[in-house]
């Protein structure tokens, strides 16, 4: 996964795979998702990212499976 932030446009691009994009869907006024030919998520674009997604800090935490 790659996360890119473009300061000049306040846009965040989150890439989940390198597959070719077949379709882009507008989820809301500032949120778009790109899908591959199988309907899988390729990337997500967030416009006005600081305001709409509070993208001032990004962290990653991998959770371990819990044993039940």
N, C-alpha and C. Protein backbone atom coordinates (compact mmCIF):
# COMPACT_ATOMS: atom_id res chain seq x y z
N UNK A 1 0.85 -1.17 0.00
CA UNK A 1 0.00 0.00 0.00
C UNK A 1 0.90 1.23 0.00
N UNK A 2 0.49 2.22 -0.77
CA UNK A 2 1.20 3.50 -0.82
C UNK A 2 0.21 4.61 -0.51
N UNK A 3 0.67 5.58 0.26
CA UNK A 3 -0.14 6.76 0.54
C UNK A 3 0.66 7.96 0.06
N UNK A 4 0.03 8.74 -0.81
CA UNK A 4 0.67 9.95 -1.34
C UNK A 4 -0.20 11.14 -0.98
N UNK A 5 0.47 12.21 -0.56
CA UNK A 5 -0.26 13.43 -0.23
C UNK A 5 0.29 14.56 -1.08
N UNK A 6 -0.60 15.26 -1.76
CA UNK A 6 -0.24 16.38 -2.64
C UNK A 6 -0.66 17.68 -1.96
N UNK A 7 0.32 18.38 -1.40
CA UNK A 7 0.05 19.61 -0.64
C UNK A 7 -0.64 20.68 -1.47
N UNK A 8 -0.20 20.82 -2.73
CA UNK A 8 -0.73 21.92 -3.55
C UNK A 8 -2.23 21.81 -3.80
N UNK A 9 -2.77 20.58 -3.78
CA UNK A 9 -4.21 20.40 -4.01
C UNK A 9 -4.92 19.83 -2.78
N UNK A 10 -4.18 19.58 -1.69
CA UNK A 10 -4.73 18.98 -0.47
C UNK A 10 -5.48 17.68 -0.80
N UNK A 11 -4.79 16.83 -1.59
CA UNK A 11 -5.38 15.58 -2.04
C UNK A 11 -4.54 14.41 -1.54
N UNK A 12 -5.20 13.38 -1.03
CA UNK A 12 -4.53 12.15 -0.62
C UNK A 12 -4.91 11.04 -1.59
N UNK A 13 -3.92 10.27 -1.99
CA UNK A 13 -4.14 9.12 -2.86
C UNK A 13 -3.62 7.89 -2.13
N UNK A 14 -4.50 6.93 -1.89
CA UNK A 14 -4.13 5.69 -1.22
C UNK A 14 -4.22 4.58 -2.25
N UNK A 15 -3.08 3.96 -2.54
CA UNK A 15 -3.02 2.91 -3.55
C UNK A 15 -2.92 1.55 -2.85
N UNK A 16 -3.85 0.67 -3.19
CA UNK A 16 -3.89 -0.65 -2.57
C UNK A 16 -3.29 -1.73 -3.45
N UNK A 17 -3.26 -1.53 -4.75
CA UNK A 17 -2.67 -2.50 -5.67
C UNK A 17 -2.18 -1.79 -6.92
N UNK A 18 -1.49 -2.54 -7.77
CA UNK A 18 -0.97 -2.00 -9.03
C UNK A 18 -1.82 -2.42 -10.22
N UNK A 19 -3.00 -2.96 -9.96
CA UNK A 19 -3.89 -3.40 -11.04
C UNK A 19 -4.37 -2.20 -11.85
N UNK A 20 -4.74 -2.46 -13.09
CA UNK A 20 -5.27 -1.39 -13.95
C UNK A 20 -6.68 -1.01 -13.49
N UNK A 21 -6.95 0.28 -13.54
CA UNK A 21 -8.26 0.80 -13.13
C UNK A 21 -9.23 0.67 -14.29
N UNK A 22 -10.37 0.04 -14.02
CA UNK A 22 -11.42 -0.09 -15.03
C UNK A 22 -12.52 0.94 -14.82
N UNK A 23 -12.77 1.28 -13.55
CA UNK A 23 -13.89 2.17 -13.23
C UNK A 23 -13.56 3.02 -12.00
N UNK A 24 -13.98 4.27 -12.04
CA UNK A 24 -13.88 5.17 -10.89
C UNK A 24 -15.29 5.49 -10.44
N UNK A 25 -15.54 5.34 -9.13
CA UNK A 25 -16.85 5.65 -8.57
C UNK A 25 -16.72 6.82 -7.59
N UNK A 26 -17.65 7.75 -7.69
CA UNK A 26 -17.72 8.86 -6.75
C UNK A 26 -18.55 8.39 -5.56
N UNK A 27 -17.93 8.32 -4.41
CA UNK A 27 -18.61 7.89 -3.19
C UNK A 27 -19.30 9.08 -2.53
N UNK A 28 -18.60 10.21 -2.52
CA UNK A 28 -19.18 11.47 -2.04
C UNK A 28 -18.47 12.59 -2.80
N UNK A 29 -18.79 13.81 -2.47
CA UNK A 29 -18.24 14.96 -3.18
C UNK A 29 -16.71 14.98 -3.18
N UNK A 30 -16.07 14.43 -2.14
CA UNK A 30 -14.62 14.50 -2.01
C UNK A 30 -13.94 13.14 -1.92
N UNK A 31 -14.67 12.06 -2.20
CA UNK A 31 -14.13 10.72 -2.06
C UNK A 31 -14.43 9.89 -3.32
N UNK A 32 -13.37 9.34 -3.91
CA UNK A 32 -13.50 8.54 -5.12
C UNK A 32 -12.74 7.23 -4.93
N UNK A 33 -13.29 6.14 -5.47
CA UNK A 33 -12.58 4.87 -5.44
C UNK A 33 -12.38 4.37 -6.87
N UNK A 34 -11.26 3.72 -7.09
CA UNK A 34 -10.95 3.12 -8.38
C UNK A 34 -11.01 1.61 -8.23
N UNK A 35 -11.67 0.95 -9.19
CA UNK A 35 -11.86 -0.50 -9.15
C UNK A 35 -11.22 -1.14 -10.37
N UNK A 36 -10.75 -2.38 -10.20
CA UNK A 36 -10.21 -3.12 -11.33
C UNK A 36 -11.32 -3.88 -12.04
N UNK A 37 -10.98 -4.70 -13.00
CA UNK A 37 -11.96 -5.43 -13.79
C UNK A 37 -12.78 -6.44 -13.00
N UNK A 38 -12.29 -6.84 -11.82
CA UNK A 38 -13.02 -7.79 -10.97
C UNK A 38 -13.81 -7.09 -9.88
N UNK A 39 -13.79 -5.77 -9.87
CA UNK A 39 -14.50 -5.01 -8.86
C UNK A 39 -13.73 -4.81 -7.57
N UNK A 40 -12.44 -5.17 -7.59
CA UNK A 40 -11.59 -4.99 -6.40
C UNK A 40 -11.07 -3.56 -6.30
N UNK A 41 -10.90 -3.11 -5.08
CA UNK A 41 -10.40 -1.76 -4.83
C UNK A 41 -8.94 -1.63 -5.24
N UNK A 42 -8.64 -0.66 -6.09
CA UNK A 42 -7.28 -0.38 -6.53
C UNK A 42 -6.73 0.82 -5.77
N UNK A 43 -7.51 1.89 -5.70
CA UNK A 43 -7.06 3.10 -5.01
C UNK A 43 -8.25 3.94 -4.55
N UNK A 44 -7.94 4.90 -3.67
CA UNK A 44 -8.95 5.81 -3.14
C UNK A 44 -8.34 7.21 -3.15
N UNK A 45 -9.11 8.17 -3.62
CA UNK A 45 -8.68 9.57 -3.64
C UNK A 45 -9.56 10.37 -2.70
N UNK A 46 -8.90 11.16 -1.83
CA UNK A 46 -9.62 12.03 -0.89
C UNK A 46 -9.22 13.46 -1.20
N UNK A 47 -10.18 14.24 -1.68
CA UNK A 47 -9.93 15.66 -1.93
C UNK A 47 -10.20 16.44 -0.65
N UNK A 48 -9.50 17.57 -0.48
CA UNK A 48 -9.59 18.38 0.76
C UNK A 48 -9.28 17.49 1.96
N UNK A 49 -8.20 16.73 1.85
CA UNK A 49 -7.86 15.68 2.80
C UNK A 49 -7.64 16.17 4.23
N UNK A 50 -7.01 17.31 4.40
CA UNK A 50 -6.79 17.82 5.77
C UNK A 50 -8.11 18.13 6.45
N UNK A 51 -9.01 18.74 5.72
CA UNK A 51 -10.30 19.15 6.28
C UNK A 51 -11.26 17.97 6.42
N UNK A 52 -11.36 17.14 5.39
CA UNK A 52 -12.37 16.08 5.36
C UNK A 52 -11.92 14.79 6.05
N UNK A 53 -10.62 14.50 6.03
CA UNK A 53 -10.15 13.22 6.57
C UNK A 53 -9.13 13.39 7.70
N UNK A 54 -8.89 14.63 8.13
CA UNK A 54 -7.94 14.90 9.21
C UNK A 54 -6.63 14.18 8.96
N UNK A 55 -6.07 14.35 7.76
CA UNK A 55 -4.88 13.63 7.36
C UNK A 55 -3.60 14.37 7.74
N UNK A 56 -3.57 14.90 8.93
CA UNK A 56 -2.36 15.58 9.41
C UNK A 56 -1.35 14.58 9.96
N UNK A 57 -1.82 13.38 10.29
CA UNK A 57 -0.92 12.34 10.80
C UNK A 57 -1.41 10.99 10.28
N UNK A 58 -0.47 10.18 9.82
CA UNK A 58 -0.80 8.85 9.34
C UNK A 58 -0.01 7.84 10.16
N UNK A 59 -0.68 6.82 10.64
CA UNK A 59 0.02 5.76 11.36
C UNK A 59 -0.48 4.41 10.87
N UNK A 60 0.31 3.38 11.12
CA UNK A 60 -0.02 2.04 10.69
C UNK A 60 0.16 1.11 11.88
N UNK A 61 -0.85 0.29 12.13
CA UNK A 61 -0.77 -0.65 13.23
C UNK A 61 -1.32 -1.98 12.74
N UNK A 62 -0.49 -3.00 12.76
CA UNK A 62 -0.94 -4.33 12.34
C UNK A 62 -1.40 -5.09 13.57
N UNK A 63 -2.63 -5.57 13.50
CA UNK A 63 -3.20 -6.29 14.63
C UNK A 63 -2.97 -7.78 14.45
N UNK A 64 -2.59 -8.44 15.51
CA UNK A 64 -2.42 -9.90 15.48
C UNK A 64 -3.77 -10.56 15.65
N UNK A 65 -3.87 -11.76 15.13
CA UNK A 65 -5.11 -12.53 15.33
C UNK A 65 -5.28 -12.86 16.79
N UNK A 66 -6.50 -12.77 17.25
CA UNK A 66 -6.76 -13.20 18.63
C UNK A 66 -7.15 -14.68 18.60
N UNK A 67 -6.70 -15.40 19.59
CA UNK A 67 -7.01 -16.82 19.69
C UNK A 67 -8.20 -16.98 20.60
N UNK A 68 -9.28 -17.55 20.05
CA UNK A 68 -10.51 -17.70 20.82
C UNK A 68 -10.64 -19.08 21.41
